[in-house]
Protein backbone atom coordinates (compact mmCIF):
# COMPACT_ATOMS: atom_id res chain seq x y z
CA MET A 1 -27.24 -24.69 -4.60
CA ALA A 2 -24.91 -25.52 -7.46
CA GLU A 3 -24.97 -21.90 -8.53
CA ASP A 4 -23.94 -20.77 -5.03
CA GLU A 5 -21.05 -23.23 -4.98
CA GLY A 6 -19.90 -22.06 -8.39
CA SER A 7 -19.99 -18.44 -7.32
CA ALA A 8 -17.75 -19.34 -4.34
CA GLU A 9 -14.98 -20.68 -6.58
CA LYS A 10 -11.86 -18.56 -6.65
CA THR A 11 -11.68 -17.76 -10.33
CA GLU A 12 -10.63 -14.10 -10.24
CA ALA A 13 -7.01 -12.93 -10.23
CA ALA A 14 -5.84 -11.19 -7.08
CA SER A 15 -6.38 -7.45 -7.00
CA ALA A 16 -3.60 -4.95 -6.38
CA LYS A 17 -4.97 -4.36 -2.88
CA LYS A 18 -4.93 -8.04 -1.98
CA LYS A 19 -1.37 -8.39 -3.29
CA GLN A 20 -0.31 -5.40 -1.19
CA ASP A 21 -2.04 -6.86 1.88
CA ALA A 22 -0.18 -10.12 1.30
CA ARG A 23 3.15 -8.26 1.12
CA GLU A 24 2.36 -6.51 4.40
CA GLN A 25 1.78 -9.95 5.93
CA GLY A 26 5.15 -11.16 4.62
CA ARG A 27 3.66 -13.34 1.89
CA VAL A 28 5.96 -12.85 -1.09
CA VAL A 29 7.45 -15.24 -3.61
CA THR A 30 10.49 -16.94 -2.11
CA SER A 31 12.23 -20.28 -2.52
CA LYS A 32 14.47 -22.01 0.02
CA GLU A 33 15.86 -24.19 -2.75
CA MET A 34 17.09 -21.11 -4.60
CA PHE A 35 18.91 -20.01 -1.45
CA VAL A 36 20.55 -23.46 -1.20
CA PHE A 37 21.51 -23.14 -4.86
CA GLY A 38 23.03 -19.70 -4.21
CA SER A 39 25.00 -21.04 -1.23
CA MET A 40 26.43 -23.86 -3.31
CA VAL A 41 27.36 -21.39 -6.06
CA ILE A 42 29.34 -19.40 -3.49
CA LEU A 43 31.07 -22.60 -2.34
CA LEU A 44 31.90 -23.55 -5.92
CA ALA A 45 33.22 -20.05 -6.63
CA GLY A 46 35.42 -20.26 -3.55
CA LEU A 47 36.82 -23.64 -4.56
CA THR A 48 37.45 -22.35 -8.09
CA LEU A 49 38.81 -18.88 -7.44
CA LEU A 50 40.72 -19.58 -4.21
CA PRO A 51 42.15 -23.08 -4.65
CA ASP A 52 45.52 -22.19 -3.18
CA GLN A 53 44.00 -20.66 -0.05
CA VAL A 54 41.74 -23.62 0.82
CA PRO A 55 44.50 -26.00 2.00
CA GLY A 56 46.09 -23.21 3.99
CA MET A 57 42.78 -22.33 5.66
CA ILE A 58 42.20 -25.98 6.53
CA ARG A 59 45.69 -26.20 7.96
CA ASP A 60 45.15 -23.04 10.03
CA TRP A 61 41.95 -24.46 11.48
CA SER A 62 43.65 -27.76 12.26
CA ASP A 63 46.65 -26.11 13.89
CA GLY A 64 44.41 -23.89 15.95
CA LEU A 65 42.42 -26.83 17.28
CA ARG A 66 45.43 -29.07 17.94
CA LEU A 67 46.64 -29.10 21.55
CA PRO A 68 50.23 -30.33 21.95
CA ASP A 69 50.89 -32.33 25.08
CA LYS A 70 53.35 -29.83 26.48
CA ASP A 71 50.92 -26.94 26.23
CA GLY A 72 48.33 -26.24 28.87
CA LEU A 73 45.00 -24.55 28.43
CA GLU A 74 46.29 -21.16 29.59
CA SER A 75 49.20 -21.07 27.16
CA LEU A 76 46.86 -22.20 24.35
CA MET A 77 44.54 -19.26 24.94
CA VAL A 78 47.40 -16.78 24.98
CA SER A 79 49.39 -18.06 22.03
CA ARG A 80 46.67 -19.08 19.60
CA SER A 81 43.61 -16.92 20.26
CA GLU A 82 44.84 -14.13 17.98
CA GLY A 83 45.54 -16.50 15.09
CA MET A 84 42.22 -18.29 15.46
CA LEU A 85 40.28 -15.03 15.60
CA TRP A 86 41.98 -13.87 12.43
CA THR A 87 41.24 -17.17 10.70
CA ILE A 88 37.59 -16.99 11.77
CA ALA A 89 37.27 -13.39 10.58
CA VAL A 90 38.79 -14.16 7.17
CA THR A 91 36.59 -17.24 6.76
CA LEU A 92 33.43 -15.34 7.66
CA MET A 93 34.35 -12.50 5.34
CA LEU A 94 35.17 -14.77 2.39
CA VAL A 95 32.07 -16.92 2.87
CA GLY A 96 29.54 -14.76 4.71
CA ALA A 97 29.74 -11.49 2.77
CA PRO A 98 29.23 -13.01 -0.71
CA LEU A 99 26.52 -15.28 0.70
CA ILE A 100 24.56 -12.32 2.09
CA VAL A 101 24.86 -10.48 -1.22
CA VAL A 102 23.69 -13.51 -3.21
CA VAL A 103 20.73 -14.13 -0.88
CA LEU A 104 19.60 -10.50 -1.15
CA LEU A 105 19.97 -10.53 -4.94
CA LEU A 106 18.03 -13.78 -5.25
CA GLN A 107 15.19 -12.56 -3.03
CA GLY A 108 15.10 -9.24 -4.86
CA ALA A 109 14.76 -11.07 -8.16
CA MET A 110 12.11 -13.51 -6.88
CA GLY A 111 9.62 -11.50 -4.88
CA GLY A 112 11.41 -8.35 -3.85
CA ILE A 113 13.01 -7.53 -0.52
CA ASN A 114 10.10 -6.98 1.81
CA PHE A 115 10.06 -5.96 5.48
CA ALA A 116 6.74 -6.99 7.03
CA PRO A 117 6.24 -6.16 10.73
CA GLN A 118 3.00 -8.17 10.72
CA ALA A 119 4.98 -11.33 10.01
CA LEU A 120 6.95 -10.78 13.24
CA GLU A 121 3.85 -10.53 15.42
CA PRO A 122 3.25 -13.62 17.62
CA LYS A 123 0.45 -15.86 16.36
CA PHE A 124 -0.93 -17.81 19.31
CA SER A 125 -3.07 -19.88 16.95
CA LYS A 126 0.11 -21.75 16.03
CA LEU A 127 0.27 -23.05 19.61
CA ASP A 128 -2.99 -24.94 19.13
CA PRO A 129 -2.01 -28.66 19.03
CA MET A 130 -5.01 -29.59 16.88
CA ALA A 131 -4.18 -26.87 14.37
CA GLY A 132 -0.56 -28.03 14.37
CA LEU A 133 -1.65 -31.61 13.71
CA GLY A 134 -3.82 -30.36 10.88
CA ARG A 135 -0.85 -28.57 9.32
CA MET A 136 1.27 -31.74 9.62
CA VAL A 137 -1.18 -33.76 7.53
CA SER A 138 -2.26 -30.96 5.21
CA LYS A 139 -1.88 -30.98 1.45
CA GLN A 140 0.96 -28.46 1.67
CA ALA A 141 2.83 -30.63 4.20
CA LEU A 142 2.53 -33.67 1.94
CA ILE A 143 3.79 -31.65 -1.02
CA GLU A 144 6.79 -30.43 1.00
CA LEU A 145 7.52 -34.02 2.09
CA GLY A 146 7.40 -35.20 -1.50
CA LYS A 147 9.72 -32.40 -2.60
CA ALA A 148 12.19 -33.26 0.17
CA ILE A 149 12.23 -36.95 -0.80
CA LEU A 150 12.79 -36.13 -4.47
CA LYS A 151 15.55 -33.65 -3.63
CA ILE A 152 17.37 -36.12 -1.38
CA ALA A 153 17.05 -38.81 -4.03
CA ALA A 154 18.39 -36.54 -6.79
CA LEU A 155 21.30 -35.20 -4.73
CA GLY A 156 22.10 -38.68 -3.42
CA ALA A 157 22.15 -40.11 -6.93
CA VAL A 158 24.47 -37.37 -8.18
CA THR A 159 26.78 -37.71 -5.17
CA TYR A 160 26.94 -41.47 -5.63
CA SER A 161 27.60 -41.16 -9.35
CA VAL A 162 30.40 -38.61 -8.97
CA THR A 163 31.98 -40.45 -6.03
CA MET A 164 31.97 -43.79 -7.84
CA GLY A 165 33.46 -42.12 -10.90
CA GLN A 166 36.37 -40.87 -8.81
CA MET A 167 36.74 -44.08 -6.78
CA GLY A 168 39.60 -45.39 -8.91
CA ALA A 169 41.61 -42.21 -8.55
CA MET A 170 40.96 -42.09 -4.81
CA MET A 171 42.09 -45.70 -4.38
CA GLY A 172 45.39 -44.76 -5.98
CA LEU A 173 46.14 -41.87 -3.64
CA GLY A 174 48.61 -44.10 -1.78
CA ASP A 175 50.91 -44.06 -4.79
CA VAL A 176 50.75 -40.28 -5.23
CA ALA A 177 53.17 -37.84 -3.69
CA PRO A 178 51.76 -36.21 -0.52
CA ALA A 179 52.06 -32.75 -2.08
CA GLN A 180 49.62 -33.76 -4.84
CA VAL A 181 47.01 -35.42 -2.62
CA SER A 182 45.36 -32.18 -1.47
CA GLY A 183 45.11 -30.94 -5.05
CA MET A 184 43.48 -34.17 -6.25
CA LEU A 185 41.03 -34.15 -3.34
CA LEU A 186 40.20 -30.52 -4.07
CA ASP A 187 39.50 -31.36 -7.73
CA THR A 188 37.23 -34.21 -6.64
CA VAL A 189 35.31 -32.00 -4.21
CA ARG A 190 35.03 -29.25 -6.83
CA GLY A 191 33.63 -31.69 -9.39
CA LEU A 192 31.10 -32.97 -6.87
CA VAL A 193 30.01 -29.45 -5.91
CA PHE A 194 29.68 -28.48 -9.59
CA ALA A 195 27.42 -31.47 -10.24
CA LEU A 196 25.35 -30.64 -7.17
CA VAL A 197 25.04 -27.01 -8.32
CA LEU A 198 23.58 -28.16 -11.65
CA VAL A 199 21.03 -30.35 -9.91
CA LEU A 200 20.17 -27.63 -7.39
CA ALA A 201 19.68 -25.15 -10.24
CA VAL A 202 16.99 -27.39 -11.71
CA ILE A 203 15.44 -28.06 -8.29
CA GLY A 204 15.50 -24.34 -7.44
CA ALA A 205 13.89 -23.34 -10.74
CA LEU A 206 11.12 -25.91 -10.30
CA ASP A 207 10.54 -24.88 -6.69
CA LEU A 208 10.45 -21.19 -7.64
CA GLY A 209 7.83 -21.90 -10.28
CA TRP A 210 5.81 -23.89 -7.76
CA GLN A 211 6.04 -21.14 -5.13
CA MET A 212 4.87 -18.52 -7.64
CA TYR A 213 1.96 -20.72 -8.66
CA SER A 214 1.04 -21.51 -5.04
CA LEU A 215 1.08 -17.87 -3.96
CA ASN A 216 -0.95 -16.69 -6.94
CA THR A 217 -3.46 -19.51 -6.39
CA SER A 218 -3.84 -18.73 -2.68
CA LEU A 219 -4.46 -15.06 -3.45
CA MET A 220 -7.17 -15.66 -6.05
CA MET A 221 -10.58 -14.25 -5.21
CA THR A 222 -14.20 -15.20 -5.71
CA LYS A 223 -16.47 -12.96 -7.74
CA GLN A 224 -18.21 -11.90 -4.53
CA GLU A 225 -14.89 -10.92 -2.91
CA THR A 226 -14.05 -8.85 -5.97
CA LYS A 227 -17.37 -7.03 -5.76
CA GLU A 228 -17.03 -6.39 -2.03
CA GLU A 229 -13.50 -5.06 -2.40
CA SER A 230 -14.62 -2.79 -5.21
CA LYS A 231 -17.36 -1.44 -2.93
CA GLU A 232 -14.88 -0.84 -0.10
CA SER A 233 -12.40 0.90 -2.38
CA ASN A 234 -14.72 2.89 -4.62
CA GLY A 235 -18.03 2.83 -2.78
CA SER A 236 -21.24 1.06 -3.76
CA PRO A 237 -22.88 1.93 -7.11
CA GLU A 238 -25.64 3.75 -5.20
CA VAL A 239 -23.12 5.90 -3.30
CA LYS A 240 -21.12 6.62 -6.45
CA GLY A 241 -24.31 7.56 -8.28
CA ARG A 242 -25.34 9.89 -5.48
CA MET A 243 -21.88 11.48 -5.44
CA ARG A 244 -22.05 12.01 -9.22
CA ARG A 245 -25.46 13.63 -8.88
CA MET A 246 -24.19 15.89 -6.11
CA GLN A 247 -21.19 16.88 -8.22
CA MET A 248 -23.41 17.60 -11.21
CA GLU A 249 -25.76 19.63 -9.03
CA ALA A 250 -22.85 21.61 -7.58
CA SER A 251 -21.53 22.21 -11.09
CA ARG A 252 -24.98 23.30 -12.28
CA LYS A 253 -25.38 25.70 -9.38
CA GLY A 254 -21.92 27.12 -9.97
CA ALA A 255 -22.71 27.78 -13.62
CA GLN A 256 -26.08 29.24 -12.65
CA GLN A 257 -24.48 31.57 -10.11
CA ARG A 258 -21.92 32.80 -12.64
CA ALA A 259 -24.63 33.44 -15.23
CA ALA A 260 -26.79 35.23 -12.65
CA LEU A 261 -24.06 37.82 -12.04
CA ASP A 262 -25.22 39.64 -15.16
CA ASP A 263 -28.65 40.13 -13.54
CA VAL A 264 -27.29 41.83 -10.40
CA PRO A 265 -27.65 45.40 -11.82
CA MET A 266 -31.43 44.77 -12.12
CA ALA A 267 -31.73 43.89 -8.41
CA THR A 268 -33.79 45.96 -6.00
CA ALA A 269 -31.43 45.24 -3.09
CA VAL A 270 -28.56 42.97 -2.08
CA ILE A 271 -28.58 41.40 1.39
CA THR A 272 -25.14 40.41 2.74
CA ASN A 273 -23.48 38.71 5.72
CA PRO A 274 -21.56 41.08 5.24
CA THR A 275 -19.08 39.50 2.76
CA HIS A 276 -19.50 35.73 3.26
CA PHE A 277 -23.01 35.60 1.78
CA ALA A 278 -24.79 37.81 -0.73
CA VAL A 279 -28.33 37.51 -2.12
CA ALA A 280 -29.62 39.86 -4.84
CA LEU A 281 -33.40 40.39 -4.64
CA LYS A 282 -35.75 41.87 -7.23
CA PHE A 283 -39.29 43.00 -6.61
CA VAL A 284 -41.32 45.24 -8.91
CA PRO A 285 -44.78 46.06 -7.53
CA GLY A 286 -47.47 45.06 -10.00
CA GLU A 287 -45.12 42.70 -11.88
CA ASP A 288 -43.86 40.25 -9.27
CA ASP A 289 -46.08 38.30 -6.92
CA ALA A 290 -43.18 37.92 -4.47
CA PRO A 291 -39.53 38.95 -4.24
CA VAL A 292 -37.35 36.84 -6.54
CA ILE A 293 -33.72 35.84 -6.03
CA LEU A 294 -31.72 37.07 -9.02
CA ALA A 295 -28.31 35.92 -7.78
CA GLN A 296 -26.78 34.43 -4.68
CA GLY A 297 -23.44 33.10 -3.58
CA LYS A 298 -20.94 32.83 -0.78
CA GLY A 299 -17.23 33.48 -0.49
CA PRO A 300 -15.70 34.76 -3.76
CA MET A 301 -19.08 34.64 -5.53
CA ALA A 302 -20.60 36.84 -2.80
CA ALA A 303 -17.77 39.33 -3.25
CA GLN A 304 -18.48 39.53 -6.99
CA ILE A 305 -22.20 40.08 -6.39
CA ILE A 306 -21.47 42.91 -3.93
CA ALA A 307 -18.96 44.51 -6.32
CA ARG A 308 -21.39 44.47 -9.24
CA ALA A 309 -24.23 45.79 -7.08
CA ARG A 310 -22.20 48.75 -5.88
CA LYS A 311 -21.03 49.46 -9.41
CA ALA A 312 -24.69 49.55 -10.51
CA GLN A 313 -25.61 51.62 -7.42
CA VAL A 314 -27.86 48.89 -6.06
CA GLU A 315 -28.52 49.18 -2.33
CA VAL A 316 -26.27 46.76 -0.36
CA MET A 317 -27.28 46.02 3.23
CA GLY A 318 -25.56 43.85 5.80
CA ILE A 319 -28.18 41.73 7.55
CA PRO A 320 -26.40 38.44 8.41
CA LEU A 321 -29.36 36.37 9.65
CA LEU A 322 -31.57 37.34 6.73
CA ALA A 323 -28.79 36.79 4.19
CA ARG A 324 -28.18 33.26 5.48
CA ALA A 325 -31.90 32.49 5.60
CA LEU A 326 -32.37 33.61 2.00
CA PHE A 327 -29.31 31.67 0.85
CA TYR A 328 -30.15 28.35 2.53
CA THR A 329 -33.90 28.35 1.77
CA GLY A 330 -34.00 29.84 -1.73
CA ASP A 331 -32.65 29.30 -5.22
CA ILE A 332 -31.77 31.51 -8.16
CA GLY A 333 -34.78 32.47 -10.25
CA GLN A 334 -37.24 31.38 -7.55
CA PRO A 335 -39.38 33.42 -5.13
CA ILE A 336 -38.15 33.68 -1.56
CA ASN A 337 -39.52 31.43 1.19
CA GLU A 338 -42.96 32.55 2.38
CA LYS A 339 -41.73 32.66 5.98
CA LEU A 340 -39.37 35.49 5.00
CA TYR A 341 -42.02 37.74 3.40
CA VAL A 342 -42.44 40.00 6.44
CA ALA A 343 -38.71 40.52 6.96
CA VAL A 344 -38.00 41.15 3.27
CA ALA A 345 -41.01 43.48 2.97
CA ALA A 346 -39.57 45.64 5.75
CA ILE A 347 -36.23 45.82 3.95
CA LEU A 348 -37.80 46.66 0.59
CA ALA A 349 -39.89 49.40 2.18
CA HIS A 350 -36.67 50.86 3.58
CA VAL A 351 -35.11 50.76 0.08
CA TYR A 352 -38.11 52.47 -1.52
CA ARG A 353 -37.98 55.28 1.04
CA LEU A 354 -34.29 55.80 0.28
CA GLU A 355 -35.02 55.90 -3.46
CA ARG A 356 -37.61 58.63 -2.86
CA GLY A 357 -35.01 60.60 -0.90
CA GLU A 358 -36.68 60.08 2.44
CA ALA A 359 -34.72 59.54 5.63
CA SER A 360 -34.93 55.94 6.81
CA ASP A 361 -33.08 53.80 9.31
CA LEU A 362 -32.30 50.17 8.55
CA PRO A 363 -35.08 48.24 10.27
CA ASP A 364 -34.48 45.41 12.73
CA VAL A 365 -35.92 42.25 11.22
CA ASP A 366 -37.23 39.32 13.20
CA LEU A 367 -37.05 35.86 11.66
CA PRO A 368 -38.96 32.72 12.60
CA LYS A 369 -36.90 30.27 14.65
CA ASP A 370 -36.77 27.72 11.84
CA MET A 371 -35.34 30.37 9.49
CA ARG A 372 -32.24 31.02 11.60
CA PHE A 373 -29.05 29.35 10.33
CA THR A 374 -25.39 29.26 11.27
CA PRO A 375 -22.82 30.19 8.59
CA GLU A 376 -22.44 26.44 7.97
CA GLY A 377 -26.17 26.08 7.29
CA ARG A 378 -27.14 24.32 10.51
CA PRO A 379 -30.32 25.41 12.33
CA MET A 380 -29.58 27.68 15.25
């Protein structure tokens, strides 16, 4: 029992296939805290690089939303819609475009930009109230709650510290010229944002490390899962062994067929189909107990056998059914199948008559039903 439990432990690193399956499901390394960090960096960059434009943008927004008493709703829409639309467009361009670029760069650096249609498919299991309750009290939910509490505490502490540090200067704003107030407030906000960016950088880095660890842990496999995946991908050891044996046998037969080409000139006759199959037979009365296959082949090998036979003036006869029967039931260097003796004897008798100069027509041969094959080797 203990051994079974140990074997079920996920101790093996995720395979390439499992990682790819996870990507297809939308499970890649990502961190919301890094996106918050990137957003705050954009805000800080805007406050630093465009300090003169910020007060003007705030003023434009305020003017656009202010409704003087003498103006009605209709005149407001006519006179200020163009200015407000322009202000909105500029704001979106200055904030939205860099934000999109930063988000894409961050995701590309973390887990890669991944489009997963499977992640968009509706999952009705999420509508199960019991499953939802289980997720609310799960280990992951408790971890997320703890992270949120720590983040709020850290950001709150930094905000409090920076604000209290600037409290004296803010209390003295009444003695400062109005033209300098916006600049001092902007410096205060910029200092606060900078401090928050530093804290968010640490939080984002820690969260990214946690997300990488969590994903890798969830994708780990048991030894049994690794074995099963290997079988699915590469086949079981028995299947692979059988395939290797078949490949070795095919290689052996190919080498045997090529070597047998040299024996074709010694053949008594070559039976063809008429070019797809060729079988070279040898039978010497008094020496051989039965006709022997010297060479056989199909396709290009058959063409070579026929060419060598004709060059050596060996009789070549097109008898498709017999050629296929000899090919699929015999092997090089072995006697032909006993069920083909009668048919082959008739052919050899025809060859001997031709060798003696006698007139002879190619006989019609009749084969047993179980010796009839299609070109693919299936019984007819």
